[in-house]
Amino acid sequence: MDQPVDQMSVDAWLTRFASELPSGTGSELDADLRAALLDVARVAAHRSERIAAPLTTYLLGLALTDVPASERSARIRSITRRLER
């Protein structure tokens, strides 16, 4: 599928977006964290109005700020499993 000329790939967009954030904010997403966030966004979008997806991921970002990066994916997956019940 061809992208419109003005549309970036997700990786290009995330790189550009990260450059707008304050340094040291942990703005890099590894593959596991990206998958976990997309999964919880999918559940939010299908279990409620679609606008819940970005708001859910925002709230997760706030809630997991003090959680070590190595634990974030597991926490998100745990929450997602509970929401899918």
N, C-alpha and C. Protein backbone atom coordinates (compact mmCIF):
# COMPACT_ATOMS: atom_id res chain seq x y z
N MET A 1 0.84 -1.18 0.00
CA MET A 1 0.00 0.00 0.00
C MET A 1 0.88 1.24 0.00
N ASP A 2 0.64 2.12 -0.94
CA ASP A 2 1.43 3.35 -1.04
C ASP A 2 0.94 4.37 -0.02
N GLN A 3 1.89 5.10 0.54
CA GLN A 3 1.55 6.16 1.48
C GLN A 3 1.42 7.47 0.72
N PRO A 4 0.51 8.34 1.16
CA PRO A 4 0.48 9.67 0.56
C PRO A 4 1.84 10.34 0.73
N VAL A 5 2.17 11.23 -0.17
CA VAL A 5 3.47 11.89 -0.17
C VAL A 5 3.78 12.56 1.17
N ASP A 6 2.77 13.13 1.81
CA ASP A 6 3.01 13.87 3.05
C ASP A 6 2.91 13.00 4.31
N GLN A 7 2.69 11.70 4.16
CA GLN A 7 2.56 10.82 5.31
C GLN A 7 3.87 10.08 5.57
N MET A 8 4.30 10.08 6.84
CA MET A 8 5.55 9.42 7.23
C MET A 8 5.27 8.00 7.70
N SER A 9 6.31 7.18 7.69
CA SER A 9 6.20 5.86 8.32
C SER A 9 6.07 6.07 9.83
N VAL A 10 5.60 5.05 10.51
CA VAL A 10 5.46 5.16 11.97
C VAL A 10 6.82 5.41 12.62
N ASP A 11 7.85 4.75 12.13
CA ASP A 11 9.18 4.96 12.71
C ASP A 11 9.68 6.39 12.51
N ALA A 12 9.47 6.91 11.31
CA ALA A 12 9.88 8.29 11.04
C ALA A 12 9.09 9.26 11.91
N TRP A 13 7.78 9.00 12.04
CA TRP A 13 6.95 9.87 12.87
C TRP A 13 7.40 9.84 14.32
N LEU A 14 7.64 8.64 14.86
CA LEU A 14 8.04 8.53 16.26
C LEU A 14 9.39 9.19 16.51
N THR A 15 10.30 9.08 15.56
CA THR A 15 11.60 9.76 15.68
C THR A 15 11.40 11.27 15.71
N ARG A 16 10.59 11.76 14.79
CA ARG A 16 10.32 13.21 14.75
C ARG A 16 9.62 13.66 16.02
N PHE A 17 8.62 12.90 16.45
CA PHE A 17 7.88 13.24 17.66
C PHE A 17 8.80 13.26 18.88
N ALA A 18 9.66 12.24 18.99
CA ALA A 18 10.58 12.17 20.13
C ALA A 18 11.50 13.38 20.18
N SER A 19 11.84 13.94 19.02
CA SER A 19 12.71 15.11 19.00
C SER A 19 12.02 16.35 19.57
N GLU A 20 10.71 16.31 19.67
CA GLU A 20 9.95 17.42 20.25
C GLU A 20 9.81 17.30 21.76
N LEU A 21 10.12 16.14 22.31
CA LEU A 21 9.98 15.92 23.75
C LEU A 21 11.25 16.33 24.47
N PRO A 22 11.13 16.68 25.75
CA PRO A 22 12.33 16.99 26.52
C PRO A 22 13.27 15.80 26.54
N SER A 23 14.57 16.06 26.49
CA SER A 23 15.53 14.95 26.52
C SER A 23 15.42 14.23 27.86
N GLY A 24 15.72 12.94 27.83
CA GLY A 24 15.67 12.15 29.06
C GLY A 24 14.28 11.71 29.46
N THR A 25 13.30 11.85 28.57
CA THR A 25 11.94 11.45 28.93
C THR A 25 11.67 9.99 28.63
N GLY A 26 12.66 9.25 28.16
CA GLY A 26 12.46 7.85 27.85
C GLY A 26 11.52 7.67 26.68
N SER A 27 11.73 8.47 25.65
CA SER A 27 10.79 8.50 24.53
C SER A 27 10.99 7.38 23.51
N GLU A 28 11.96 6.49 23.73
CA GLU A 28 12.18 5.40 22.79
C GLU A 28 11.25 4.23 23.10
N LEU A 29 10.69 3.66 22.06
CA LEU A 29 9.81 2.50 22.21
C LEU A 29 10.48 1.28 21.62
N ASP A 30 10.73 0.26 22.45
CA ASP A 30 11.23 -0.98 21.87
C ASP A 30 10.04 -1.76 21.30
N ALA A 31 10.32 -2.82 20.58
CA ALA A 31 9.27 -3.57 19.89
C ALA A 31 8.24 -4.14 20.86
N ASP A 32 8.68 -4.61 22.03
CA ASP A 32 7.76 -5.20 23.00
C ASP A 32 6.82 -4.14 23.59
N LEU A 33 7.37 -2.99 23.94
CA LEU A 33 6.55 -1.92 24.50
C LEU A 33 5.58 -1.38 23.45
N ARG A 34 6.05 -1.23 22.24
CA ARG A 34 5.19 -0.77 21.15
C ARG A 34 4.01 -1.73 20.97
N ALA A 35 4.29 -3.03 20.95
CA ALA A 35 3.24 -4.03 20.78
C ALA A 35 2.25 -4.00 21.94
N ALA A 36 2.75 -3.85 23.16
CA ALA A 36 1.87 -3.80 24.32
C ALA A 36 0.95 -2.57 24.28
N LEU A 37 1.51 -1.43 23.90
CA LEU A 37 0.70 -0.21 23.80
C LEU A 37 -0.35 -0.32 22.70
N LEU A 38 0.04 -0.87 21.56
CA LEU A 38 -0.92 -1.03 20.47
C LEU A 38 -2.02 -2.02 20.85
N ASP A 39 -1.67 -3.03 21.63
CA ASP A 39 -2.66 -4.02 22.05
C ASP A 39 -3.68 -3.39 23.01
N VAL A 40 -3.22 -2.64 23.98
CA VAL A 40 -4.17 -2.01 24.91
C VAL A 40 -5.00 -0.95 24.19
N ALA A 41 -4.41 -0.27 23.22
CA ALA A 41 -5.18 0.70 22.43
C ALA A 41 -6.26 -0.01 21.61
N ARG A 42 -5.92 -1.18 21.07
CA ARG A 42 -6.90 -1.96 20.32
C ARG A 42 -8.07 -2.36 21.21
N VAL A 43 -7.76 -2.84 22.42
CA VAL A 43 -8.83 -3.24 23.34
C VAL A 43 -9.69 -2.04 23.70
N ALA A 44 -9.06 -0.92 23.99
CA ALA A 44 -9.81 0.30 24.34
C ALA A 44 -10.72 0.73 23.19
N ALA A 45 -10.22 0.67 21.97
CA ALA A 45 -11.00 1.10 20.80
C ALA A 45 -12.16 0.17 20.51
N HIS A 46 -12.01 -1.11 20.83
CA HIS A 46 -13.08 -2.06 20.54
C HIS A 46 -14.06 -2.25 21.70
N ARG A 47 -13.64 -1.93 22.91
CA ARG A 47 -14.52 -2.09 24.07
C ARG A 47 -15.28 -0.81 24.42
N SER A 48 -14.94 0.28 23.77
CA SER A 48 -15.60 1.57 24.05
C SER A 48 -15.56 2.38 22.76
N GLU A 49 -15.80 3.66 22.90
CA GLU A 49 -15.66 4.54 21.74
C GLU A 49 -14.18 4.57 21.33
N ARG A 50 -13.93 4.69 20.05
CA ARG A 50 -12.55 4.65 19.55
C ARG A 50 -11.66 5.72 20.18
N ILE A 51 -12.23 6.84 20.55
CA ILE A 51 -11.40 7.90 21.13
C ILE A 51 -10.78 7.50 22.46
N ALA A 52 -11.24 6.39 23.04
CA ALA A 52 -10.64 5.92 24.29
C ALA A 52 -9.22 5.41 24.08
N ALA A 53 -8.87 4.99 22.87
CA ALA A 53 -7.54 4.42 22.63
C ALA A 53 -6.41 5.41 22.91
N PRO A 54 -6.39 6.59 22.30
CA PRO A 54 -5.27 7.49 22.61
C PRO A 54 -5.31 8.00 24.04
N LEU A 55 -6.50 8.18 24.58
CA LEU A 55 -6.59 8.65 25.96
C LEU A 55 -6.09 7.58 26.93
N THR A 56 -6.38 6.33 26.63
CA THR A 56 -5.89 5.22 27.45
C THR A 56 -4.37 5.17 27.45
N THR A 57 -3.78 5.29 26.28
CA THR A 57 -2.31 5.22 26.22
C THR A 57 -1.67 6.42 26.91
N TYR A 58 -2.33 7.57 26.83
CA TYR A 58 -1.83 8.75 27.55
C TYR A 58 -1.85 8.50 29.06
N LEU A 59 -2.96 7.99 29.56
CA LEU A 59 -3.06 7.71 30.99
C LEU A 59 -2.06 6.66 31.44
N LEU A 60 -1.81 5.67 30.59
CA LEU A 60 -0.78 4.68 30.91
C LEU A 60 0.59 5.35 31.01
N GLY A 61 0.86 6.24 30.09
CA GLY A 61 2.13 6.96 30.14
C GLY A 61 2.33 7.71 31.44
N LEU A 62 1.28 8.35 31.88
CA LEU A 62 1.35 9.07 33.16
C LEU A 62 1.54 8.10 34.32
N ALA A 63 0.77 7.02 34.30
CA ALA A 63 0.78 6.09 35.42
C ALA A 63 2.08 5.30 35.53
N LEU A 64 2.74 5.06 34.39
CA LEU A 64 3.93 4.20 34.40
C LEU A 64 5.24 4.97 34.38
N THR A 65 5.18 6.26 34.57
CA THR A 65 6.38 7.09 34.55
C THR A 65 7.45 6.60 35.52
N ASP A 66 7.05 6.23 36.72
CA ASP A 66 8.02 5.82 37.74
C ASP A 66 8.30 4.32 37.74
N VAL A 67 7.67 3.58 36.83
CA VAL A 67 7.91 2.14 36.73
C VAL A 67 9.17 1.93 35.88
N PRO A 68 10.07 1.08 36.31
CA PRO A 68 11.27 0.82 35.49
C PRO A 68 10.89 0.39 34.08
N ALA A 69 11.64 0.86 33.11
CA ALA A 69 11.35 0.57 31.70
C ALA A 69 11.24 -0.93 31.44
N SER A 70 12.03 -1.72 32.15
CA SER A 70 12.01 -3.17 31.94
C SER A 70 10.72 -3.83 32.39
N GLU A 71 9.90 -3.13 33.18
CA GLU A 71 8.64 -3.69 33.69
C GLU A 71 7.40 -3.14 33.00
N ARG A 72 7.54 -2.13 32.18
CA ARG A 72 6.37 -1.46 31.61
C ARG A 72 5.53 -2.36 30.70
N SER A 73 6.17 -3.08 29.81
CA SER A 73 5.42 -3.95 28.90
C SER A 73 4.59 -4.97 29.66
N ALA A 74 5.20 -5.59 30.66
CA ALA A 74 4.48 -6.60 31.46
C ALA A 74 3.30 -5.98 32.19
N ARG A 75 3.48 -4.79 32.72
CA ARG A 75 2.37 -4.12 33.41
C ARG A 75 1.23 -3.82 32.45
N ILE A 76 1.58 -3.32 31.27
CA ILE A 76 0.55 -3.00 30.27
C ILE A 76 -0.18 -4.26 29.84
N ARG A 77 0.56 -5.34 29.62
CA ARG A 77 -0.08 -6.60 29.21
C ARG A 77 -1.01 -7.13 30.30
N SER A 78 -0.63 -6.98 31.54
CA SER A 78 -1.46 -7.40 32.66
C SER A 78 -2.78 -6.60 32.69
N ILE A 79 -2.67 -5.31 32.54
CA ILE A 79 -3.85 -4.44 32.49
C ILE A 79 -4.74 -4.83 31.31
N THR A 80 -4.11 -5.05 30.17
CA THR A 80 -4.87 -5.39 28.96
C THR A 80 -5.64 -6.68 29.16
N ARG A 81 -5.01 -7.69 29.76
CA ARG A 81 -5.70 -8.97 30.01
C ARG A 81 -6.93 -8.75 30.89
N ARG A 82 -6.80 -7.92 31.92
CA ARG A 82 -7.94 -7.66 32.80
C ARG A 82 -9.05 -6.91 32.05
N LEU A 83 -8.69 -6.00 31.18
CA LEU A 83 -9.68 -5.24 30.43
C LEU A 83 -10.41 -6.09 29.40
N GLU A 84 -9.76 -7.14 28.94
CA GLU A 84 -10.38 -8.01 27.93
C GLU A 84 -11.41 -8.97 28.53
N ARG A 85 -11.43 -9.12 29.82
CA ARG A 85 -12.38 -10.05 30.48
C ARG A 85 -13.79 -9.53 30.39
